[in-house]
Amino acid sequence: MKYQKAEMILDRRGQGLTEYAILMVLVVMGSVVIVKSIGTQLNIKLTSVRDDINKKITVHR
């Protein structure tokens, strides 16, 4: 009887650990997608600013 209870507790811990690992993978994947998206948008914006600055420098020469 004691062994059955111990097995049930260990099984639940293993299940909880697996669920936690799956959740962490999903969170990391979501974070990567968000950061990549923000990075791309930021790169586009900074490129536009750089081009505007270069145009103004060229005009004033």
PDB file of N, CA and C in Angstrom:
ATOM      1  N   MET A   1       0.819  -1.196   0.000  1.00  0.00           N
ATOM      2  CA  MET A   1       0.000   0.000   0.000  1.00  0.00           C
ATOM      3  C   MET A   1       0.867   1.265   0.000  1.00  0.00           C
ATOM      4  N   LYS A   2       1.928   1.267   0.814  1.00  0.00           N
ATOM      5  CA  LYS A   2       2.810   2.424   0.877  1.00  0.00           C
ATOM      6  C   LYS A   2       3.490   2.663  -0.470  1.00  0.00           C
ATOM      7  N   TYR A   3       3.869   1.564  -1.115  1.00  0.00           N
ATOM      8  CA  TYR A   3       4.555   1.688  -2.399  1.00  0.00           C
ATOM      9  C   TYR A   3       3.634   2.255  -3.466  1.00  0.00           C
ATOM     10  N   GLN A   4       2.360   1.894  -3.402  1.00  0.00           N
ATOM     11  CA  GLN A   4       1.400   2.406  -4.372  1.00  0.00           C
ATOM     12  C   GLN A   4       1.248   3.924  -4.215  1.00  0.00           C
ATOM     13  N   LYS A   5       1.177   4.383  -2.985  1.00  0.00           N
ATOM     14  CA  LYS A   5       1.065   5.822  -2.739  1.00  0.00           C
ATOM     15  C   LYS A   5       2.319   6.546  -3.223  1.00  0.00           C
ATOM     16  N   ALA A   6       3.464   5.966  -2.946  1.00  0.00           N
ATOM     17  CA  ALA A   6       4.720   6.586  -3.379  1.00  0.00           C
ATOM     18  C   ALA A   6       4.776   6.655  -4.903  1.00  0.00           C
ATOM     19  N   GLU A   7       4.355   5.599  -5.583  1.00  0.00           N
ATOM     20  CA  GLU A   7       4.345   5.588  -7.037  1.00  0.00           C
ATOM     21  C   GLU A   7       3.396   6.651  -7.583  1.00  0.00           C
ATOM     22  N   MET A   8       2.238   6.795  -6.955  1.00  0.00           N
ATOM     23  CA  MET A   8       1.278   7.797  -7.410  1.00  0.00           C
ATOM     24  C   MET A   8       1.860   9.202  -7.266  1.00  0.00           C
ATOM     25  N   ILE A   9       2.534   9.452  -6.157  1.00  0.00           N
ATOM     26  CA  ILE A   9       3.134  10.769  -5.933  1.00  0.00           C
ATOM     27  C   ILE A   9       4.216  11.032  -6.978  1.00  0.00           C
ATOM     28  N   LEU A  10       5.074  10.049  -7.241  1.00  0.00           N
ATOM     29  CA  LEU A  10       6.134  10.221  -8.229  1.00  0.00           C
ATOM     30  C   LEU A  10       5.556  10.401  -9.629  1.00  0.00           C
ATOM     31  N   ASP A  11       4.508   9.668  -9.955  1.00  0.00           N
ATOM     32  CA  ASP A  11       3.871   9.810 -11.263  1.00  0.00           C
ATOM     33  C   ASP A  11       3.323  11.224 -11.432  1.00  0.00           C
ATOM     34  N   ARG A  12       2.716  11.750 -10.394  1.00  0.00           N
ATOM     35  CA  ARG A  12       2.169  13.109 -10.472  1.00  0.00           C
ATOM     36  C   ARG A  12       3.270  14.135 -10.624  1.00  0.00           C
ATOM     37  N   ARG A  13       4.375  13.928  -9.933  1.00  0.00           N
ATOM     38  CA  ARG A  13       5.498  14.861 -10.064  1.00  0.00           C
ATOM     39  C   ARG A  13       6.051  14.816 -11.481  1.00  0.00           C
ATOM     40  N   GLY A  14       6.168  13.616 -12.023  1.00  0.00           N
ATOM     41  CA  GLY A  14       6.658  13.470 -13.387  1.00  0.00           C
ATOM     42  C   GLY A  14       5.729  14.135 -14.384  1.00  0.00           C
ATOM     43  N   GLN A  15       4.435  13.990 -14.159  1.00  0.00           N
ATOM     44  CA  GLN A  15       3.451  14.616 -15.041  1.00  0.00           C
ATOM     45  C   GLN A  15       3.548  16.133 -14.928  1.00  0.00           C
ATOM     46  N   GLY A  16       3.660  16.625 -13.705  1.00  0.00           N
ATOM     47  CA  GLY A  16       3.779  18.068 -13.492  1.00  0.00           C
ATOM     48  C   GLY A  16       5.035  18.628 -14.138  1.00  0.00           C
ATOM     49  N   LEU A  17       6.130  17.889 -14.039  1.00  0.00           N
ATOM     50  CA  LEU A  17       7.390  18.318 -14.639  1.00  0.00           C
ATOM     51  C   LEU A  17       7.269  18.356 -16.161  1.00  0.00           C
ATOM     52  N   THR A  18       6.615  17.357 -16.721  1.00  0.00           N
ATOM     53  CA  THR A  18       6.411  17.324 -18.171  1.00  0.00           C
ATOM     54  C   THR A  18       5.550  18.490 -18.615  1.00  0.00           C
ATOM     55  N   GLU A  19       4.482  18.756 -17.901  1.00  0.00           N
ATOM     56  CA  GLU A  19       3.609  19.887 -18.246  1.00  0.00           C
ATOM     57  C   GLU A  19       4.369  21.203 -18.134  1.00  0.00           C
ATOM     58  N   TYR A  20       5.198  21.338 -17.121  1.00  0.00           N
ATOM     59  CA  TYR A  20       5.996  22.542 -16.935  1.00  0.00           C
ATOM     60  C   TYR A  20       6.979  22.706 -18.098  1.00  0.00           C
ATOM     61  N   ALA A  21       7.619  21.616 -18.496  1.00  0.00           N
ATOM     62  CA  ALA A  21       8.582  21.667 -19.596  1.00  0.00           C
ATOM     63  C   ALA A  21       7.889  22.079 -20.895  1.00  0.00           C
ATOM     64  N   ILE A  22       6.719  21.525 -21.157  1.00  0.00           N
ATOM     65  CA  ILE A  22       5.970  21.882 -22.368  1.00  0.00           C
ATOM     66  C   ILE A  22       5.583  23.354 -22.327  1.00  0.00           C
ATOM     67  N   LEU A  23       5.119  23.818 -21.188  1.00  0.00           N
ATOM     68  CA  LEU A  23       4.735  25.218 -21.037  1.00  0.00           C
ATOM     69  C   LEU A  23       5.939  26.139 -21.262  1.00  0.00           C
ATOM     70  N   MET A  24       7.089  25.768 -20.717  1.00  0.00           N
ATOM     71  CA  MET A  24       8.291  26.589 -20.891  1.00  0.00           C
ATOM     72  C   MET A  24       8.715  26.644 -22.360  1.00  0.00           C
ATOM     73  N   VAL A  25       8.601  25.523 -23.066  1.00  0.00           N
ATOM     74  CA  VAL A  25       8.943  25.506 -24.486  1.00  0.00           C
ATOM     75  C   VAL A  25       8.024  26.456 -25.249  1.00  0.00           C
ATOM     76  N   LEU A  26       6.733  26.422 -24.938  1.00  0.00           N
ATOM     77  CA  LEU A  26       5.788  27.315 -25.609  1.00  0.00           C
ATOM     78  C   LEU A  26       6.081  28.780 -25.309  1.00  0.00           C
ATOM     79  N   VAL A  27       6.418  29.087 -24.082  1.00  0.00           N
ATOM     80  CA  VAL A  27       6.739  30.464 -23.695  1.00  0.00           C
ATOM     81  C   VAL A  27       7.997  30.940 -24.428  1.00  0.00           C
ATOM     82  N   VAL A  28       9.008  30.100 -24.479  1.00  0.00           N
ATOM     83  CA  VAL A  28      10.251  30.468 -25.164  1.00  0.00           C
ATOM     84  C   VAL A  28      10.002  30.673 -26.653  1.00  0.00           C
ATOM     85  N   MET A  29       9.243  29.777 -27.263  1.00  0.00           N
ATOM     86  CA  MET A  29       8.948  29.917 -28.694  1.00  0.00           C
ATOM     87  C   MET A  29       8.182  31.205 -28.970  1.00  0.00           C
ATOM     88  N   GLY A  30       7.205  31.506 -28.130  1.00  0.00           N
ATOM     89  CA  GLY A  30       6.450  32.748 -28.279  1.00  0.00           C
ATOM     90  C   GLY A  30       7.332  33.967 -28.119  1.00  0.00           C
ATOM     91  N   SER A  31       8.235  33.912 -27.156  1.00  0.00           N
ATOM     92  CA  SER A  31       9.153  35.040 -26.926  1.00  0.00           C
ATOM     93  C   SER A  31      10.072  35.252 -28.122  1.00  0.00           C
ATOM     94  N   VAL A  32      10.556  34.178 -28.698  1.00  0.00           N
ATOM     95  CA  VAL A  32      11.436  34.284 -29.861  1.00  0.00           C
ATOM     96  C   VAL A  32      10.694  34.935 -31.024  1.00  0.00           C
ATOM     97  N   VAL A  33       9.462  34.513 -31.250  1.00  0.00           N
ATOM     98  CA  VAL A  33       8.667  35.090 -32.344  1.00  0.00           C
ATOM     99  C   VAL A  33       8.449  36.583 -32.117  1.00  0.00           C
ATOM    100  N   ILE A  34       8.103  36.961 -30.904  1.00  0.00           N
ATOM    101  CA  ILE A  34       7.845  38.374 -30.590  1.00  0.00           C
ATOM    102  C   ILE A  34       9.116  39.208 -30.757  1.00  0.00           C
ATOM    103  N   VAL A  35      10.218  38.740 -30.204  1.00  0.00           N
ATOM    104  CA  VAL A  35      11.479  39.496 -30.293  1.00  0.00           C
ATOM    105  C   VAL A  35      11.927  39.605 -31.742  1.00  0.00           C
ATOM    106  N   LYS A  36      11.776  38.535 -32.492  1.00  0.00           N
ATOM    107  CA  LYS A  36      12.165  38.570 -33.906  1.00  0.00           C
ATOM    108  C   LYS A  36      11.312  39.576 -34.678  1.00  0.00           C
ATOM    109  N   SER A  37      10.022  39.595 -34.393  1.00  0.00           N
ATOM    110  CA  SER A  37       9.118  40.521 -35.061  1.00  0.00           C
ATOM    111  C   SER A  37       9.470  41.969 -34.720  1.00  0.00           C
ATOM    112  N   ILE A  38       9.698  42.233 -33.450  1.00  0.00           N
ATOM    113  CA  ILE A  38      10.064  43.582 -33.021  1.00  0.00           C
ATOM    114  C   ILE A  38      11.396  43.978 -33.628  1.00  0.00           C
ATOM    115  N   GLY A  39      12.352  43.057 -33.673  1.00  0.00           N
ATOM    116  CA  GLY A  39      13.658  43.341 -34.246  1.00  0.00           C
ATOM    117  C   GLY A  39      13.566  43.700 -35.713  1.00  0.00           C
ATOM    118  N   THR A  40      12.729  42.982 -36.450  1.00  0.00           N
ATOM    119  CA  THR A  40      12.553  43.267 -37.870  1.00  0.00           C
ATOM    120  C   THR A  40      11.935  44.645 -38.065  1.00  0.00           C
ATOM    121  N   GLN A  41      10.909  44.948 -37.309  1.00  0.00           N
ATOM    122  CA  GLN A  41      10.250  46.251 -37.421  1.00  0.00           C
ATOM    123  C   GLN A  41      11.202  47.373 -37.026  1.00  0.00           C
ATOM    124  N   LEU A  42      11.982  47.158 -35.993  1.00  0.00           N
ATOM    125  CA  LEU A  42      12.943  48.163 -35.553  1.00  0.00           C
ATOM    126  C   LEU A  42      14.026  48.377 -36.604  1.00  0.00           C
ATOM    127  N   ASN A  43      14.476  47.313 -37.210  1.00  0.00           N
ATOM    128  CA  ASN A  43      15.483  47.420 -38.264  1.00  0.00           C
ATOM    129  C   ASN A  43      14.955  48.233 -39.442  1.00  0.00           C
ATOM    130  N   ILE A  44      13.717  47.993 -39.836  1.00  0.00           N
ATOM    131  CA  ILE A  44      13.103  48.749 -40.931  1.00  0.00           C
ATOM    132  C   ILE A  44      13.037  50.229 -40.578  1.00  0.00           C
ATOM    133  N   LYS A  45      12.617  50.528 -39.364  1.00  0.00           N
ATOM    134  CA  LYS A  45      12.481  51.917 -38.927  1.00  0.00           C
ATOM    135  C   LYS A  45      13.842  52.619 -38.881  1.00  0.00           C
ATOM    136  N   LEU A  46      14.848  51.947 -38.326  1.00  0.00           N
ATOM    137  CA  LEU A  46      16.172  52.559 -38.231  1.00  0.00           C
ATOM    138  C   LEU A  46      16.800  52.750 -39.608  1.00  0.00           C
ATOM    139  N   THR A  47      16.546  51.838 -40.516  1.00  0.00           N
ATOM    140  CA  THR A  47      17.035  51.991 -41.884  1.00  0.00           C
ATOM    141  C   THR A  47      16.411  53.216 -42.533  1.00  0.00           C
ATOM    142  N   SER A  48      15.133  53.421 -42.296  1.00  0.00           N
ATOM    143  CA  SER A  48      14.443  54.589 -42.832  1.00  0.00           C
ATOM    144  C   SER A  48      15.024  55.880 -42.261  1.00  0.00           C
ATOM    145  N   VAL A  49      15.287  55.903 -40.975  1.00  0.00           N
ATOM    146  CA  VAL A  49      15.878  57.084 -40.335  1.00  0.00           C
ATOM    147  C   VAL A  49      17.264  57.344 -40.912  1.00  0.00           C
ATOM    148  N   ARG A  50      18.063  56.291 -41.065  1.00  0.00           N
ATOM    149  CA  ARG A  50      19.401  56.443 -41.633  1.00  0.00           C
ATOM    150  C   ARG A  50      19.336  57.022 -43.043  1.00  0.00           C
ATOM    151  N   ASP A  51      18.426  56.511 -43.849  1.00  0.00           N
ATOM    152  CA  ASP A  51      18.292  57.006 -45.220  1.00  0.00           C
ATOM    153  C   ASP A  51      17.871  58.480 -45.241  1.00  0.00           C
ATOM    154  N   ASP A  52      16.955  58.859 -44.352  1.00  0.00           N
ATOM    155  CA  ASP A  52      16.532  60.265 -44.268  1.00  0.00           C
ATOM    156  C   ASP A  52      17.703  61.174 -43.882  1.00  0.00           C
ATOM    157  N   ILE A  53      18.501  60.726 -42.941  1.00  0.00           N
ATOM    158  CA  ILE A  53      19.661  61.515 -42.514  1.00  0.00           C
ATOM    159  C   ILE A  53      20.648  61.651 -43.665  1.00  0.00           C
ATOM    160  N   ASN A  54      20.901  60.562 -44.367  1.00  0.00           N
ATOM    161  CA  ASN A  54      21.828  60.611 -45.503  1.00  0.00           C
ATOM    162  C   ASN A  54      21.330  61.553 -46.596  1.00  0.00           C
ATOM    163  N   LYS A  55      20.024  61.573 -46.843  1.00  0.00           N
ATOM    164  CA  LYS A  55      19.464  62.491 -47.846  1.00  0.00           C
ATOM    165  C   LYS A  55      19.681  63.943 -47.433  1.00  0.00           C
ATOM    166  N   LYS A  56      19.459  64.242 -46.151  1.00  0.00           N
ATOM    167  CA  LYS A  56      19.606  65.622 -45.670  1.00  0.00           C
ATOM    168  C   LYS A  56      21.064  66.061 -45.707  1.00  0.00           C
ATOM    169  N   ILE A  57      21.969  65.163 -45.401  1.00  0.00           N
ATOM    170  CA  ILE A  57      23.393  65.481 -45.452  1.00  0.00           C
ATOM    171  C   ILE A  57      23.801  65.768 -46.897  1.00  0.00           C
ATOM    172  N   THR A  58      23.307  64.964 -47.823  1.00  0.00           N
ATOM    173  CA  THR A  58      23.642  65.131 -49.247  1.00  0.00           C
ATOM    174  C   THR A  58      23.095  66.439 -49.786  1.00  0.00           C
ATOM    175  N   VAL A  59      21.903  66.829 -49.378  1.00  0.00           N
ATOM    176  CA  VAL A  59      21.270  68.061 -49.857  1.00  0.00           C
ATOM    177  C   VAL A  59      22.053  69.274 -49.369  1.00  0.00           C
ATOM    178  N   HIS A  60      22.568  69.254 -48.168  1.00  0.00           N
ATOM    179  CA  HIS A  60      23.249  70.409 -47.573  1.00  0.00           C
ATOM    180  C   HIS A  60      24.687  70.554 -48.020  1.00  0.00           C
ATOM    181  N   ARG A  61      25.223  69.682 -48.799  1.00  0.00           N
ATOM    182  CA  ARG A  61      26.627  69.785 -49.247  1.00  0.00           C
ATOM    183  C   ARG A  61      26.765  70.688 -50.379  1.00  0.00           C
TER     184      ARG A  61
END
